């Protein structure tokens, strides 16, 4: 049976409730499920705990949920691109749990694999490890980290089939695969959707067993937070052409 929904709003219609935990794929503005994020905003759901690598930027990505006042807590590894986020955090209106990026990825992966907790050396001796259980293995101290399982996971794929098998493209792969497995209910948006059998099984990253609902992503400009590429000096271009 097809998992394809008519729209992002339809895919989320009975899935959202106040106070829930939402895991969202993406890295900055790369590979974010923009349609699904906007549908969450439009739903009016509030007091969300959002798990994501970061919270996008002001007015884009997960930043729209911050602007709408729908987020109570954030579990992330980086939040430096969002000024409103910083303002709400400093004002005490937003709870933040900072997690090292690799630890965050492993917490999500563990949640999807049914592993309740794991030990890591990352963060030992820092604020990240305060209040958490420690253990010594082979003479080295490790801190215990809990897995993350979200009520709903939202991801963006480049290509999918209607059975929910997903393929990601380049940098947009980022956190999407681990987020996809960490949701009790996983909803994916995809730029290209084909019928079953239309994907090479060797290229599938997220098997459809992890995805319950699918929606066609809206064609849109893919934003970049910061453009750091500068024009090549003319002299360098001339020299390169003469070689």
Protein backbone atom coordinates (compact mmCIF):
# COMPACT_ATOMS: atom_id res chain seq x y z
CA UNK A 1 0.00 0.00 0.00
CA UNK A 2 1.33 3.44 -0.94
CA UNK A 3 2.65 5.67 1.82
CA UNK A 4 2.24 8.79 -0.31
CA UNK A 5 0.13 11.56 1.22
CA UNK A 6 -1.59 14.40 -0.61
CA UNK A 7 0.35 17.14 1.20
CA UNK A 8 2.63 17.85 4.12
CA UNK A 9 -0.38 19.01 6.13
CA UNK A 10 -2.18 15.73 5.43
CA UNK A 11 0.89 13.73 6.41
CA UNK A 12 1.01 15.50 9.79
CA UNK A 13 -2.71 15.88 10.41
CA UNK A 14 -3.12 13.37 13.25
CA UNK A 15 0.56 13.11 14.21
CA UNK A 16 1.16 16.30 16.18
CA UNK A 17 0.35 17.19 19.75
CA UNK A 18 1.56 19.75 22.26
CA UNK A 19 4.64 18.79 24.26
CA UNK A 20 5.90 16.14 21.85
CA UNK A 21 9.49 15.46 20.77
CA UNK A 22 10.27 16.16 17.13
CA UNK A 23 13.51 15.00 15.44
CA UNK A 24 14.36 16.84 12.24
CA UNK A 25 16.98 16.05 9.62
CA UNK A 26 19.24 18.57 7.93
CA UNK A 27 22.44 20.47 8.50
CA UNK A 28 21.98 24.21 8.55
CA UNK A 29 19.65 24.69 5.60
CA UNK A 30 20.99 21.71 3.66
CA UNK A 31 18.64 18.75 3.39
CA UNK A 32 15.96 20.18 5.65
CA UNK A 33 12.35 18.98 5.28
CA UNK A 34 11.12 22.51 4.59
CA UNK A 35 7.56 21.61 3.60
CA UNK A 36 7.07 19.48 6.71
CA UNK A 37 8.59 22.15 8.99
CA UNK A 38 6.21 24.76 7.57
CA UNK A 39 3.28 22.38 8.06
CA UNK A 40 4.29 21.98 11.72
CA UNK A 41 4.31 25.77 12.06
CA UNK A 42 0.91 26.08 10.41
CA UNK A 43 -0.56 23.42 12.73
CA UNK A 44 -0.06 25.67 15.77
CA UNK A 45 1.34 22.84 17.91
CA UNK A 46 3.40 24.18 20.82
CA UNK A 47 5.78 23.30 23.68
CA UNK A 48 7.85 21.18 21.31
CA UNK A 49 11.17 19.56 22.11
CA UNK A 50 13.11 19.73 18.85
CA UNK A 51 16.10 17.47 18.21
CA UNK A 52 18.25 18.60 15.30
CA UNK A 53 21.86 19.34 14.50
CA UNK A 54 20.97 23.05 14.60
CA UNK A 55 17.98 25.36 14.38
CA UNK A 56 18.48 26.85 10.94
CA UNK A 57 18.54 30.63 10.61
CA UNK A 58 16.11 33.43 11.36
CA UNK A 59 13.02 33.02 9.19
CA UNK A 60 14.15 29.81 7.49
CA UNK A 61 14.20 26.13 8.35
CA UNK A 62 13.53 25.40 12.00
CA UNK A 63 13.90 29.11 12.64
CA UNK A 64 10.24 29.51 11.67
CA UNK A 65 9.20 27.40 14.67
CA UNK A 66 11.34 29.59 16.95
CA UNK A 67 9.69 32.70 15.52
CA UNK A 68 6.24 31.23 16.09
CA UNK A 69 7.04 30.49 19.74
CA UNK A 70 6.30 26.80 19.32
CA UNK A 71 9.55 25.40 20.76
CA UNK A 72 10.13 24.83 24.48
CA UNK A 73 13.40 22.88 24.35
CA UNK A 74 16.14 22.27 21.81
CA UNK A 75 18.63 19.39 21.73
CA UNK A 76 21.32 20.39 19.24
CA UNK A 77 25.04 20.61 18.66
CA UNK A 78 25.20 24.09 17.09
CA UNK A 79 22.89 27.09 17.13
CA UNK A 80 25.11 30.01 16.13
CA UNK A 81 23.28 31.09 12.97
CA UNK A 82 19.97 31.94 14.64
CA UNK A 83 19.85 35.31 16.45
CA UNK A 84 16.29 34.92 17.72
CA UNK A 85 17.23 31.54 19.18
CA UNK A 86 20.08 33.19 21.11
CA UNK A 87 17.77 35.93 22.35
CA UNK A 88 15.16 33.48 23.64
CA UNK A 89 17.83 31.31 25.25
CA UNK A 90 19.42 34.26 27.08
CA UNK A 91 15.99 35.47 28.17
CA UNK A 92 15.24 32.05 29.67
CA UNK A 93 12.31 31.34 27.35
CA UNK A 94 14.03 28.44 25.62
CA UNK A 95 15.69 25.43 27.24
CA UNK A 96 18.79 24.17 25.43
CA UNK A 97 20.64 20.89 25.75
CA UNK A 98 23.93 21.16 23.89
CA UNK A 99 25.30 17.84 22.65
CA UNK A 100 28.57 17.25 20.76
CA UNK A 101 27.78 16.63 17.11
CA UNK A 102 29.07 13.04 16.97
CA UNK A 103 27.34 12.21 20.24
CA UNK A 104 24.07 13.61 18.91
CA UNK A 105 24.34 11.48 15.78
CA UNK A 106 25.04 8.39 17.89
CA UNK A 107 22.17 9.16 20.30
CA UNK A 108 19.80 9.21 17.33
CA UNK A 109 21.35 6.12 15.76
CA UNK A 110 21.10 4.27 19.08
CA UNK A 111 17.47 5.28 19.44
CA UNK A 112 16.70 3.86 16.02
CA UNK A 113 18.59 0.65 16.81
CA UNK A 114 16.83 0.03 20.12
CA UNK A 115 19.96 0.70 22.19
CA UNK A 116 18.94 2.65 25.33
CA UNK A 117 22.35 4.14 26.17
CA UNK A 118 26.04 4.01 25.32
CA UNK A 119 29.40 5.21 26.68
CA UNK A 120 31.69 7.75 25.02
CA UNK A 121 34.84 9.65 25.94
CA UNK A 122 33.54 12.79 24.25
CA UNK A 123 32.68 15.45 26.82
CA UNK A 124 34.34 13.81 29.81
CA UNK A 125 35.58 16.50 32.17
CA UNK A 126 33.37 19.20 30.63
CA UNK A 127 29.92 20.67 31.32
CA UNK A 128 28.48 18.17 28.85
CA UNK A 129 29.21 15.31 31.26
CA UNK A 130 28.00 16.93 34.47
CA UNK A 131 25.36 14.87 36.27
CA UNK A 132 25.73 11.89 33.95
CA UNK A 133 26.95 8.44 35.02
CA UNK A 134 30.62 7.67 34.38
CA UNK A 135 32.41 4.36 33.98
CA UNK A 136 36.03 3.32 33.60
CA UNK A 137 36.94 0.91 30.79
CA UNK A 138 40.54 -0.23 30.32
CA UNK A 139 41.75 2.65 32.46
CA UNK A 140 39.84 5.33 30.52
CA UNK A 141 36.84 7.29 31.81
CA UNK A 142 33.67 7.36 29.75
CA UNK A 143 30.36 9.18 30.17
CA UNK A 144 27.00 7.50 29.59
CA UNK A 145 24.70 9.08 27.04
CA UNK A 146 21.04 8.22 26.58
CA UNK A 147 19.61 7.36 23.20
CA UNK A 148 17.03 9.63 21.59
CA UNK A 149 13.73 8.34 20.26
CA UNK A 150 11.36 10.99 18.93
CA UNK A 151 7.59 10.91 18.77
CA UNK A 152 7.82 12.09 15.16
CA UNK A 153 10.82 12.30 12.83
CA UNK A 154 10.85 14.54 9.75
CA UNK A 155 13.36 14.00 6.94
CA UNK A 156 14.13 15.19 3.43
CA UNK A 157 15.25 12.83 0.67
CA UNK A 158 16.13 13.45 -2.95
CA UNK A 159 14.47 10.31 -4.34
CA UNK A 160 11.94 7.90 -2.88
CA UNK A 161 9.55 5.23 -4.00
CA UNK A 162 5.99 5.02 -2.76
CA UNK A 163 7.01 2.23 -0.36
CA UNK A 164 9.11 4.81 1.53
CA UNK A 165 12.61 3.70 0.47
CA UNK A 166 14.82 6.80 0.50
CA UNK A 167 17.93 8.00 -1.32
CA UNK A 168 19.70 11.19 -0.25
CA UNK A 169 21.84 13.45 -2.41
CA UNK A 170 25.32 14.72 -1.49
CA UNK A 171 25.48 16.98 1.59
CA UNK A 172 21.71 16.74 2.06
CA UNK A 173 22.29 13.23 3.39
CA UNK A 174 23.78 14.62 6.67
CA UNK A 175 21.58 13.83 9.70
CA UNK A 176 18.60 12.56 7.72
CA UNK A 177 19.40 8.81 7.85
CA UNK A 178 19.81 8.66 11.64
CA UNK A 179 16.78 10.89 12.22
CA UNK A 180 14.69 8.66 9.94
CA UNK A 181 15.31 5.61 12.13
CA UNK A 182 14.82 7.44 15.44
CA UNK A 183 11.15 8.33 15.06
CA UNK A 184 8.23 6.29 16.34
CA UNK A 185 6.50 7.83 13.34
CA UNK A 186 8.73 8.93 10.46
CA UNK A 187 7.49 11.22 7.70
CA UNK A 188 9.65 11.91 4.67
CA UNK A 189 9.42 14.47 1.90
CA UNK A 190 11.18 13.73 -1.38
CA UNK A 191 11.97 15.74 -4.48
CA UNK A 192 11.46 12.79 -6.83
CA UNK A 193 8.99 9.96 -6.13
CA UNK A 194 8.80 6.80 -8.23
CA UNK A 195 6.78 3.63 -8.17
CA UNK A 196 8.00 0.51 -6.32
CA UNK A 197 10.83 -1.15 -8.21
CA UNK A 198 12.02 2.17 -9.59
CA UNK A 199 15.04 2.41 -7.27
CA UNK A 200 18.27 0.45 -7.38
CA UNK A 201 18.25 -1.41 -4.02
CA UNK A 202 22.03 -0.87 -3.77
CA UNK A 203 21.44 2.88 -3.62
CA UNK A 204 18.74 2.92 -0.95
CA UNK A 205 20.02 4.46 2.30
CA UNK A 206 16.87 4.36 4.44
CA UNK A 207 14.71 1.26 3.90
CA UNK A 208 10.99 1.88 3.69
CA UNK A 209 10.35 -0.11 6.87
CA UNK A 210 11.46 2.99 8.80
CA UNK A 211 9.17 5.39 6.93
CA UNK A 212 5.42 5.46 7.57
CA UNK A 213 4.39 8.46 5.44
CA UNK A 214 5.73 10.22 2.37
CA UNK A 215 4.99 13.51 0.66
CA UNK A 216 6.11 15.19 -2.55
CA UNK A 217 8.48 18.06 -1.75
CA UNK A 218 7.69 21.45 -3.24
CA UNK A 219 10.22 22.72 -5.78
CA UNK A 220 12.02 25.65 -4.19
CA UNK A 221 15.31 27.52 -4.13
CA UNK A 222 17.81 25.75 -1.88
CA UNK A 223 19.15 28.35 0.50
CA UNK A 224 22.73 28.64 1.76
CA UNK A 225 23.38 30.25 5.16
CA UNK A 226 26.67 31.87 4.21
CA UNK A 227 28.29 32.17 0.82
CA UNK A 228 32.06 32.08 1.24
CA UNK A 229 33.10 31.65 -2.39
CA UNK A 230 34.84 34.70 -3.84
CA UNK A 231 35.60 35.55 -7.44
CA UNK A 232 38.88 34.24 -8.75
CA UNK A 233 41.41 37.02 -9.49
CA UNK A 234 41.72 37.77 -13.20
CA UNK A 235 45.48 37.14 -13.14
CA UNK A 236 44.95 33.64 -11.79
CA UNK A 237 42.35 32.90 -14.46
CA UNK A 238 44.71 34.11 -17.23
CA UNK A 239 47.56 32.02 -15.87
CA UNK A 240 45.37 28.94 -15.65
CA UNK A 241 44.26 29.35 -19.28
CA UNK A 242 47.86 29.59 -20.48
CA UNK A 243 48.94 26.31 -18.85
